[in-house]
Amino acid sequence: MSVSNRFRDIAKDVAVFRTELKGCDPRAEQGARIVKKASKGLQEWVDQVGEVPRMRLESQLTPILMKAHDTLDKARLVFEDIEGLDAQADAAWDLQQRIYRLLNDL
């Protein structure tokens, strides 16, 4: 799978996670706001990512992916601090790992 497609899949999955958090436990609201930031940052590049030349993908996508990774990490920590939100913390962790693997492949 191409880097562009993997990026789009991650962006879509972060957006889906954000949507799932809307109907979640009200205590997850702070984490949901943080996930929203990560989602918006990724969504800004969904259409553009396919137009970035292969040799510039690393320099252009790395900052965006790092920011999303860090933002999801903040959300994960919020979820871990609230009892009963282990599934949300695990989902954030899984998304972080996917971003990390994509960063390694760049």
N, C-alpha and C. Protein backbone atom coordinates (compact mmCIF):
# COMPACT_ATOMS: atom_id res chain seq x y z
N MET A 1 0.85 -1.17 0.00
CA MET A 1 0.00 0.00 0.00
C MET A 1 0.89 1.24 0.00
N SER A 2 0.52 2.24 -0.77
CA SER A 2 1.33 3.44 -0.90
C SER A 2 1.27 4.28 0.38
N VAL A 3 2.24 5.14 0.52
CA VAL A 3 2.29 6.04 1.67
C VAL A 3 1.04 6.92 1.69
N SER A 4 0.66 7.41 0.53
CA SER A 4 -0.52 8.27 0.44
C SER A 4 -1.78 7.55 0.92
N ASN A 5 -1.95 6.31 0.49
CA ASN A 5 -3.12 5.55 0.91
C ASN A 5 -3.08 5.24 2.40
N ARG A 6 -1.92 4.92 2.91
CA ARG A 6 -1.80 4.65 4.35
C ARG A 6 -2.11 5.91 5.15
N PHE A 7 -1.62 7.05 4.67
CA PHE A 7 -1.91 8.33 5.33
C PHE A 7 -3.41 8.57 5.36
N ARG A 8 -4.05 8.39 4.21
CA ARG A 8 -5.50 8.60 4.14
C ARG A 8 -6.26 7.64 5.06
N ASP A 9 -5.82 6.40 5.13
CA ASP A 9 -6.47 5.42 6.02
C ASP A 9 -6.34 5.83 7.47
N ILE A 10 -5.16 6.29 7.85
CA ILE A 10 -4.95 6.74 9.23
C ILE A 10 -5.83 7.95 9.52
N ALA A 11 -5.86 8.91 8.60
CA ALA A 11 -6.69 10.11 8.79
C ALA A 11 -8.16 9.72 8.93
N LYS A 12 -8.60 8.77 8.11
CA LYS A 12 -10.00 8.32 8.18
C LYS A 12 -10.27 7.64 9.53
N ASP A 13 -9.35 6.81 9.98
CA ASP A 13 -9.54 6.09 11.24
C ASP A 13 -9.52 7.03 12.45
N VAL A 14 -8.71 8.07 12.39
CA VAL A 14 -8.70 9.06 13.47
C VAL A 14 -10.04 9.80 13.48
N ALA A 15 -10.56 10.13 12.29
CA ALA A 15 -11.86 10.79 12.20
C ALA A 15 -12.98 9.89 12.73
N VAL A 16 -12.92 8.61 12.41
CA VAL A 16 -13.91 7.65 12.91
C VAL A 16 -13.82 7.55 14.44
N PHE A 17 -12.61 7.49 14.95
CA PHE A 17 -12.41 7.44 16.40
C PHE A 17 -13.01 8.68 17.05
N ARG A 18 -12.80 9.84 16.43
CA ARG A 18 -13.37 11.09 16.95
C ARG A 18 -14.90 11.00 16.99
N THR A 19 -15.49 10.47 15.94
CA THR A 19 -16.94 10.33 15.87
C THR A 19 -17.44 9.38 16.95
N GLU A 20 -16.73 8.28 17.16
CA GLU A 20 -17.12 7.31 18.18
C GLU A 20 -17.05 7.93 19.58
N LEU A 21 -16.15 8.85 19.79
CA LEU A 21 -16.01 9.48 21.10
C LEU A 21 -17.18 10.40 21.42
N LYS A 22 -17.86 10.91 20.38
CA LYS A 22 -19.00 11.80 20.60
C LYS A 22 -20.10 11.10 21.39
N GLY A 23 -20.33 9.83 21.12
CA GLY A 23 -21.39 9.10 21.80
C GLY A 23 -20.89 8.35 23.02
N CYS A 24 -19.69 8.62 23.39
CA CYS A 24 -19.01 7.90 24.48
C CYS A 24 -19.36 8.53 25.83
N ASP A 25 -18.73 8.00 26.82
CA ASP A 25 -18.83 8.49 28.19
C ASP A 25 -18.55 10.00 28.22
N PRO A 26 -19.38 10.78 28.89
CA PRO A 26 -19.15 12.23 28.97
C PRO A 26 -17.79 12.60 29.59
N ARG A 27 -17.24 11.69 30.36
CA ARG A 27 -15.94 11.95 30.97
C ARG A 27 -14.82 11.96 29.93
N ALA A 28 -15.10 11.48 28.74
CA ALA A 28 -14.10 11.42 27.67
C ALA A 28 -14.07 12.71 26.85
N GLU A 29 -14.84 13.71 27.25
CA GLU A 29 -14.95 14.93 26.46
C GLU A 29 -13.62 15.65 26.25
N GLN A 30 -12.80 15.74 27.28
CA GLN A 30 -11.51 16.41 27.14
C GLN A 30 -10.62 15.67 26.13
N GLY A 31 -10.58 14.36 26.24
CA GLY A 31 -9.81 13.57 25.29
C GLY A 31 -10.36 13.69 23.88
N ALA A 32 -11.68 13.76 23.77
CA ALA A 32 -12.32 13.89 22.45
C ALA A 32 -11.92 15.21 21.79
N ARG A 33 -11.82 16.27 22.57
CA ARG A 33 -11.38 17.55 22.00
C ARG A 33 -9.95 17.46 21.48
N ILE A 34 -9.12 16.72 22.19
CA ILE A 34 -7.73 16.56 21.78
C ILE A 34 -7.66 15.73 20.49
N VAL A 35 -8.45 14.67 20.43
CA VAL A 35 -8.49 13.83 19.22
C VAL A 35 -8.99 14.65 18.03
N LYS A 36 -9.92 15.55 18.28
CA LYS A 36 -10.43 16.42 17.22
C LYS A 36 -9.30 17.24 16.60
N LYS A 37 -8.38 17.74 17.43
CA LYS A 37 -7.23 18.49 16.91
C LYS A 37 -6.37 17.62 16.00
N ALA A 38 -6.13 16.39 16.43
CA ALA A 38 -5.32 15.47 15.62
C ALA A 38 -6.02 15.20 14.29
N SER A 39 -7.31 14.99 14.36
CA SER A 39 -8.08 14.69 13.16
C SER A 39 -8.05 15.86 12.17
N LYS A 40 -8.25 17.06 12.67
CA LYS A 40 -8.23 18.23 11.80
C LYS A 40 -6.87 18.40 11.12
N GLY A 41 -5.80 18.19 11.88
CA GLY A 41 -4.47 18.32 11.30
C GLY A 41 -4.22 17.34 10.17
N LEU A 42 -4.70 16.13 10.35
CA LEU A 42 -4.53 15.11 9.30
C LEU A 42 -5.45 15.38 8.12
N GLN A 43 -6.69 15.78 8.39
CA GLN A 43 -7.67 16.00 7.33
C GLN A 43 -7.25 17.09 6.37
N GLU A 44 -6.49 18.07 6.86
CA GLU A 44 -6.02 19.14 5.99
C GLU A 44 -5.14 18.63 4.86
N TRP A 45 -4.53 17.46 5.06
CA TRP A 45 -3.59 16.92 4.08
C TRP A 45 -4.14 15.74 3.29
N VAL A 46 -5.33 15.29 3.58
CA VAL A 46 -5.88 14.10 2.91
C VAL A 46 -5.91 14.27 1.40
N ASP A 47 -6.38 15.40 0.92
CA ASP A 47 -6.47 15.61 -0.53
C ASP A 47 -5.11 15.92 -1.15
N GLN A 48 -4.25 16.58 -0.40
CA GLN A 48 -2.96 17.01 -0.94
C GLN A 48 -1.90 15.91 -0.97
N VAL A 49 -2.04 14.92 -0.12
CA VAL A 49 -0.97 13.93 0.05
C VAL A 49 -0.64 13.20 -1.25
N GLY A 50 -1.59 12.97 -2.09
CA GLY A 50 -1.34 12.27 -3.34
C GLY A 50 -0.57 13.11 -4.35
N GLU A 51 -0.57 14.42 -4.15
CA GLU A 51 0.11 15.32 -5.07
C GLU A 51 1.55 15.60 -4.67
N VAL A 52 1.95 15.19 -3.48
CA VAL A 52 3.31 15.43 -3.01
C VAL A 52 4.25 14.43 -3.69
N PRO A 53 5.29 14.93 -4.35
CA PRO A 53 6.24 14.01 -4.99
C PRO A 53 6.88 13.08 -3.97
N ARG A 54 7.14 11.87 -4.37
CA ARG A 54 7.69 10.84 -3.48
C ARG A 54 8.93 11.33 -2.73
N MET A 55 9.79 12.07 -3.40
CA MET A 55 11.03 12.50 -2.77
C MET A 55 10.81 13.59 -1.71
N ARG A 56 9.63 14.19 -1.69
CA ARG A 56 9.33 15.22 -0.69
C ARG A 56 8.35 14.74 0.38
N LEU A 57 7.88 13.51 0.26
CA LEU A 57 6.91 13.00 1.23
C LEU A 57 7.44 13.06 2.66
N GLU A 58 8.66 12.61 2.86
CA GLU A 58 9.22 12.58 4.20
C GLU A 58 9.25 13.97 4.82
N SER A 59 9.77 14.94 4.10
CA SER A 59 9.91 16.29 4.67
C SER A 59 8.55 16.96 4.88
N GLN A 60 7.58 16.65 4.07
CA GLN A 60 6.29 17.31 4.20
C GLN A 60 5.35 16.60 5.18
N LEU A 61 5.39 15.28 5.22
CA LEU A 61 4.45 14.54 6.06
C LEU A 61 4.94 14.33 7.49
N THR A 62 6.25 14.27 7.67
CA THR A 62 6.78 13.99 9.01
C THR A 62 6.26 14.96 10.06
N PRO A 63 6.31 16.28 9.84
CA PRO A 63 5.80 17.18 10.89
C PRO A 63 4.32 16.98 11.19
N ILE A 64 3.54 16.71 10.16
CA ILE A 64 2.10 16.51 10.35
C ILE A 64 1.84 15.24 11.14
N LEU A 65 2.53 14.18 10.77
CA LEU A 65 2.36 12.90 11.46
C LEU A 65 2.87 12.98 12.90
N MET A 66 3.98 13.66 13.11
CA MET A 66 4.51 13.79 14.48
C MET A 66 3.54 14.57 15.37
N LYS A 67 2.98 15.63 14.83
CA LYS A 67 2.02 16.43 15.60
C LYS A 67 0.79 15.60 15.95
N ALA A 68 0.28 14.85 14.97
CA ALA A 68 -0.89 14.00 15.23
C ALA A 68 -0.55 12.93 16.26
N HIS A 69 0.64 12.34 16.16
CA HIS A 69 1.08 11.33 17.11
C HIS A 69 1.13 11.91 18.52
N ASP A 70 1.74 13.08 18.66
CA ASP A 70 1.85 13.72 19.97
C ASP A 70 0.48 14.09 20.53
N THR A 71 -0.39 14.57 19.67
CA THR A 71 -1.74 14.95 20.10
C THR A 71 -2.52 13.72 20.56
N LEU A 72 -2.41 12.63 19.82
CA LEU A 72 -3.09 11.40 20.23
C LEU A 72 -2.49 10.87 21.53
N ASP A 73 -1.21 11.09 21.75
CA ASP A 73 -0.59 10.66 22.99
C ASP A 73 -1.19 11.42 24.17
N LYS A 74 -1.42 12.71 24.00
CA LYS A 74 -2.07 13.51 25.06
C LYS A 74 -3.47 12.98 25.34
N ALA A 75 -4.20 12.67 24.29
CA ALA A 75 -5.55 12.13 24.47
C ALA A 75 -5.49 10.78 25.18
N ARG A 76 -4.54 9.94 24.79
CA ARG A 76 -4.40 8.63 25.42
C ARG A 76 -4.14 8.78 26.92
N LEU A 77 -3.30 9.71 27.29
CA LEU A 77 -2.99 9.93 28.70
C LEU A 77 -4.22 10.40 29.47
N VAL A 78 -5.03 11.24 28.83
CA VAL A 78 -6.29 11.67 29.46
C VAL A 78 -7.20 10.47 29.67
N PHE A 79 -7.33 9.63 28.66
CA PHE A 79 -8.19 8.45 28.78
C PHE A 79 -7.67 7.49 29.84
N GLU A 80 -6.36 7.33 29.93
CA GLU A 80 -5.79 6.42 30.93
C GLU A 80 -6.03 6.91 32.35
N ASP A 81 -6.13 8.23 32.52
CA ASP A 81 -6.34 8.79 33.85
C ASP A 81 -7.77 8.65 34.36
N ILE A 82 -8.67 8.31 33.45
CA ILE A 82 -10.08 8.18 33.83
C ILE A 82 -10.46 6.71 33.84
N GLU A 83 -10.89 6.26 34.98
CA GLU A 83 -11.27 4.86 35.12
C GLU A 83 -12.44 4.53 34.19
N GLY A 84 -12.34 3.43 33.50
CA GLY A 84 -13.40 2.98 32.61
C GLY A 84 -13.22 3.40 31.17
N LEU A 85 -12.15 4.11 30.86
CA LEU A 85 -11.91 4.53 29.48
C LEU A 85 -10.71 3.82 28.88
N ASP A 86 -10.51 2.59 29.31
CA ASP A 86 -9.38 1.80 28.81
C ASP A 86 -9.49 1.52 27.31
N ALA A 87 -10.69 1.28 26.83
CA ALA A 87 -10.88 0.99 25.40
C ALA A 87 -10.48 2.21 24.55
N GLN A 88 -10.80 3.40 25.02
CA GLN A 88 -10.43 4.62 24.30
C GLN A 88 -8.92 4.82 24.33
N ALA A 89 -8.31 4.54 25.47
CA ALA A 89 -6.85 4.65 25.57
C ALA A 89 -6.18 3.66 24.63
N ASP A 90 -6.71 2.45 24.56
CA ASP A 90 -6.15 1.43 23.66
C ASP A 90 -6.31 1.83 22.20
N ALA A 91 -7.46 2.41 21.85
CA ALA A 91 -7.69 2.84 20.47
C ALA A 91 -6.73 3.96 20.09
N ALA A 92 -6.52 4.90 21.00
CA ALA A 92 -5.57 5.99 20.74
C ALA A 92 -4.16 5.41 20.56
N TRP A 93 -3.80 4.44 21.39
CA TRP A 93 -2.49 3.81 21.29
C TRP A 93 -2.31 3.11 19.94
N ASP A 94 -3.34 2.40 19.50
CA ASP A 94 -3.28 1.71 18.21
C ASP A 94 -3.07 2.70 17.07
N LEU A 95 -3.75 3.83 17.12
CA LEU A 95 -3.58 4.84 16.08
C LEU A 95 -2.17 5.43 16.13
N GLN A 96 -1.66 5.64 17.33
CA GLN A 96 -0.29 6.13 17.47
C GLN A 96 0.70 5.16 16.84
N GLN A 97 0.49 3.88 17.06
CA GLN A 97 1.40 2.87 16.52
C GLN A 97 1.36 2.85 14.99
N ARG A 98 0.18 3.03 14.43
CA ARG A 98 0.08 3.07 12.97
C ARG A 98 0.81 4.28 12.40
N ILE A 99 0.68 5.41 13.08
CA ILE A 99 1.40 6.61 12.65
C ILE A 99 2.90 6.38 12.76
N TYR A 100 3.32 5.79 13.85
CA TYR A 100 4.74 5.52 14.06
C TYR A 100 5.31 4.61 12.96
N ARG A 101 4.57 3.58 12.61
CA ARG A 101 5.03 2.67 11.55
C ARG A 101 5.12 3.40 10.21
N LEU A 102 4.18 4.28 9.93
CA LEU A 102 4.23 5.05 8.69
C LEU A 102 5.44 5.99 8.71
N LEU A 103 5.69 6.61 9.84
CA LEU A 103 6.87 7.48 9.96
C LEU A 103 8.16 6.69 9.71
N ASN A 104 8.23 5.50 10.24
CA ASN A 104 9.42 4.68 10.01
C ASN A 104 9.60 4.32 8.54
N ASP A 105 8.50 4.14 7.84
CA ASP A 105 8.58 3.78 6.43
C ASP A 105 8.90 4.96 5.52
N LEU A 106 8.73 6.17 6.05
CA LEU A 106 9.08 7.34 5.25
C LEU A 106 10.58 7.44 5.15
